[in-house]
C-alpha atoms as a PDB file:
ATOM      1  CA  UNK A   1      -4.774  35.786 153.737  1.00  0.00           C
ATOM      2  CA  UNK A   2      -7.504  38.498 153.567  1.00  0.00           C
ATOM      3  CA  UNK A   3     -10.547  37.836 151.736  1.00  0.00           C
ATOM      4  CA  UNK A   4     -14.427  37.664 151.975  1.00  0.00           C
ATOM      5  CA  UNK A   5     -15.473  37.132 155.196  1.00  0.00           C
ATOM      6  CA  UNK A   6     -11.961  37.962 156.508  1.00  0.00           C
ATOM      7  CA  UNK A   7     -14.072  40.387 159.196  1.00  0.00           C
ATOM      8  CA  UNK A   8     -16.301  38.298 160.300  1.00  0.00           C
ATOM      9  CA  UNK A   9     -13.655  35.751 161.059  1.00  0.00           C
ATOM     10  CA  UNK A  10     -11.731  38.400 163.605  1.00  0.00           C
ATOM     11  CA  UNK A  11     -14.970  38.293 165.185  1.00  0.00           C
ATOM     12  CA  UNK A  12     -15.628  35.217 165.330  1.00  0.00           C
ATOM     13  CA  UNK A  13     -11.697  34.374 167.322  1.00  0.00           C
ATOM     14  CA  UNK A  14     -12.165  38.148 169.497  1.00  0.00           C
ATOM     15  CA  UNK A  15     -15.384  36.678 170.917  1.00  0.00           C
ATOM     16  CA  UNK A  16     -13.072  33.351 172.382  1.00  0.00           C
ATOM     17  CA  UNK A  17     -11.314  36.287 174.156  1.00  0.00           C
ATOM     18  CA  UNK A  18     -12.843  36.113 178.252  1.00  0.00           C
ATOM     19  CA  UNK A  19     -13.304  39.582 180.599  1.00  0.00           C
ATOM     20  CA  UNK A  20     -10.174  40.624 182.504  1.00  0.00           C
ATOM     21  CA  UNK A  21      -7.789  39.609 178.899  1.00  0.00           C
ATOM     22  CA  UNK A  22      -6.713  41.185 176.224  1.00  0.00           C
ATOM     23  CA  UNK A  23      -4.728  39.670 173.034  1.00  0.00           C
ATOM     24  CA  UNK A  24      -2.796  41.945 170.404  1.00  0.00           C
ATOM     25  CA  UNK A  25      -3.956  42.866 166.874  1.00  0.00           C
ATOM     26  CA  UNK A  26      -1.043  40.540 166.033  1.00  0.00           C
ATOM     27  CA  UNK A  27      -2.003  37.871 168.006  1.00  0.00           C
ATOM     28  CA  UNK A  28      -5.997  37.550 166.410  1.00  0.00           C
ATOM     29  CA  UNK A  29      -3.659  37.755 162.782  1.00  0.00           C
ATOM     30  CA  UNK A  30      -1.904  34.112 163.817  1.00  0.00           C
ATOM     31  CA  UNK A  31      -4.553  32.745 165.831  1.00  0.00           C
ATOM     32  CA  UNK A  32      -6.561  32.887 161.970  1.00  0.00           C
ATOM     33  CA  UNK A  33      -3.144  31.932 160.287  1.00  0.00           C
ATOM     34  CA  UNK A  34      -1.537  34.934 158.640  1.00  0.00           C
ATOM     35  CA  UNK A  35       0.355  36.832 161.357  1.00  0.00           C
ATOM     36  CA  UNK A  36       0.893  39.214 158.921  1.00  0.00           C
ATOM     37  CA  UNK A  37      -2.414  40.740 158.742  1.00  0.00           C
ATOM     38  CA  UNK A  38      -2.424  43.039 161.702  1.00  0.00           C
ATOM     39  CA  UNK A  39      -3.179  45.605 160.298  1.00  0.00           C
ATOM     40  CA  UNK A  40      -6.027  44.268 158.638  1.00  0.00           C
ATOM     41  CA  UNK A  41      -7.756  43.216 162.389  1.00  0.00           C
ATOM     42  CA  UNK A  42      -7.298  46.508 163.311  1.00  0.00           C
ATOM     43  CA  UNK A  43      -9.107  47.796 160.535  1.00  0.00           C
ATOM     44  CA  UNK A  44     -11.319  44.966 160.774  1.00  0.00           C
ATOM     45  CA  UNK A  45     -12.288  46.086 164.144  1.00  0.00           C
ATOM     46  CA  UNK A  46     -12.088  49.874 163.275  1.00  0.00           C
ATOM     47  CA  UNK A  47     -15.288  49.058 161.222  1.00  0.00           C
ATOM     48  CA  UNK A  48     -17.461  46.613 163.457  1.00  0.00           C
ATOM     49  CA  UNK A  49     -20.455  47.876 164.097  1.00  0.00           C
ATOM     50  CA  UNK A  50     -22.030  45.018 166.386  1.00  0.00           C
ATOM     51  CA  UNK A  51     -21.987  45.398 170.564  1.00  0.00           C
ATOM     52  CA  UNK A  52     -21.080  41.916 171.357  1.00  0.00           C
ATOM     53  CA  UNK A  53     -17.645  41.505 169.869  1.00  0.00           C
ATOM     54  CA  UNK A  54     -15.706  42.581 172.600  1.00  0.00           C
ATOM     55  CA  UNK A  55     -13.479  45.018 170.295  1.00  0.00           C
ATOM     56  CA  UNK A  56     -11.716  46.883 173.411  1.00  0.00           C
ATOM     57  CA  UNK A  57      -9.989  43.648 174.584  1.00  0.00           C
ATOM     58  CA  UNK A  58      -7.550  43.650 171.523  1.00  0.00           C
ATOM     59  CA  UNK A  59      -4.405  46.127 171.963  1.00  0.00           C
ATOM     60  CA  UNK A  60      -1.057  46.698 170.295  1.00  0.00           C
ATOM     61  CA  UNK A  61       1.824  44.539 170.981  1.00  0.00           C
ATOM     62  CA  UNK A  62       3.143  47.453 172.680  1.00  0.00           C
ATOM     63  CA  UNK A  63       0.712  46.693 175.077  1.00  0.00           C
ATOM     64  CA  UNK A  64      -1.072  49.831 174.493  1.00  0.00           C
ATOM     65  CA  UNK A  65      -4.559  51.248 173.108  1.00  0.00           C
ATOM     66  CA  UNK A  66      -4.206  51.919 169.924  1.00  0.00           C
ATOM     67  CA  UNK A  67      -6.470  54.933 168.608  1.00  0.00           C
ATOM     68  CA  UNK A  68      -4.736  56.444 165.756  1.00  0.00           C
ATOM     69  CA  UNK A  69      -6.814  59.784 166.188  1.00  0.00           C
ATOM     70  CA  UNK A  70     -10.045  58.543 167.774  1.00  0.00           C
ATOM     71  CA  UNK A  71      -9.795  59.738 170.950  1.00  0.00           C
ATOM     72  CA  UNK A  72     -13.492  59.065 172.207  1.00  0.00           C
ATOM     73  CA  UNK A  73     -12.849  55.387 170.809  1.00  0.00           C
ATOM     74  CA  UNK A  74      -9.737  54.980 172.675  1.00  0.00           C
ATOM     75  CA  UNK A  75     -11.245  56.803 176.302  1.00  0.00           C
ATOM     76  CA  UNK A  76     -14.450  54.341 175.612  1.00  0.00           C
ATOM     77  CA  UNK A  77     -12.139  51.088 175.151  1.00  0.00           C
ATOM     78  CA  UNK A  78      -9.955  51.850 178.056  1.00  0.00           C
ATOM     79  CA  UNK A  79     -13.211  52.282 180.489  1.00  0.00           C
ATOM     80  CA  UNK A  80     -14.094  49.323 179.527  1.00  0.00           C
ATOM     81  CA  UNK A  81     -11.185  47.770 180.058  1.00  0.00           C
ATOM     82  CA  UNK A  82     -11.077  49.214 183.559  1.00  0.00           C
ATOM     83  CA  UNK A  83     -14.343  48.383 184.443  1.00  0.00           C
ATOM     84  CA  UNK A  84     -13.093  44.379 182.918  1.00  0.00           C
ATOM     85  CA  UNK A  85     -10.183  44.832 185.965  1.00  0.00           C
ATOM     86  CA  UNK A  86      -7.785  45.453 183.488  1.00  0.00           C
ATOM     87  CA  UNK A  87      -4.738  47.838 184.954  1.00  0.00           C
ATOM     88  CA  UNK A  88      -2.587  50.298 183.224  1.00  0.00           C
ATOM     89  CA  UNK A  89       0.668  51.500 183.888  1.00  0.00           C
ATOM     90  CA  UNK A  90       1.647  55.052 184.003  1.00  0.00           C
ATOM     91  CA  UNK A  91       2.569  54.586 180.996  1.00  0.00           C
ATOM     92  CA  UNK A  92      -0.983  53.436 179.375  1.00  0.00           C
ATOM     93  CA  UNK A  93       0.379  49.998 179.042  1.00  0.00           C
ATOM     94  CA  UNK A  94      -1.604  46.765 180.263  1.00  0.00           C
ATOM     95  CA  UNK A  95       1.338  43.995 181.377  1.00  0.00           C
ATOM     96  CA  UNK A  96       0.460  41.555 178.569  1.00  0.00           C
ATOM     97  CA  UNK A  97       3.005  38.952 180.509  1.00  0.00           C
ATOM     98  CA  UNK A  98       0.052  38.922 183.254  1.00  0.00           C
ATOM     99  CA  UNK A  99      -3.326  39.703 181.143  1.00  0.00           C
ATOM    100  CA  UNK A 100      -3.095  38.261 177.298  1.00  0.00           C
ATOM    101  CA  UNK A 101      -4.970  35.582 176.600  1.00  0.00           C
ATOM    102  CA  UNK A 102      -3.430  32.772 174.539  1.00  0.00           C
ATOM    103  CA  UNK A 103      -5.633  32.198 171.411  1.00  0.00           C
ATOM    104  CA  UNK A 104      -6.891  29.066 169.744  1.00  0.00           C
ATOM    105  CA  UNK A 105      -5.396  28.766 165.803  1.00  0.00           C
ATOM    106  CA  UNK A 106      -8.725  29.227 163.944  1.00  0.00           C
ATOM    107  CA  UNK A 107      -7.359  28.690 160.260  1.00  0.00           C
ATOM    108  CA  UNK A 108      -9.133  30.935 157.771  1.00  0.00           C
ATOM    109  CA  UNK A 109     -10.495  27.975 155.785  1.00  0.00           C
ATOM    110  CA  UNK A 110     -12.052  26.153 158.678  1.00  0.00           C
ATOM    111  CA  UNK A 111     -13.990  29.006 159.648  1.00  0.00           C
END
């Protein structure tokens, strides 16, 4: 469920993703106990104004950066990932099988 404090809960989960790894929007939603709110996870990250949250480590389920027309942010996201050793293939995908971080469950009611 998305409700008061949802953005903060998303940020808390994303802070657990270490450098050199990625997660998907759906992974974050599932870790919060609401696997159907991946889009809302994206909106929460788009609204982020806190540099301590590694938002750039969250990509889509196809292993790509989702930028929805925000090209400067997508360029910044890719540069940050590359600086952490994340490699992209010729089609712009990250190898999720190798680089995906498995998140621990963080049910919304416990955060």
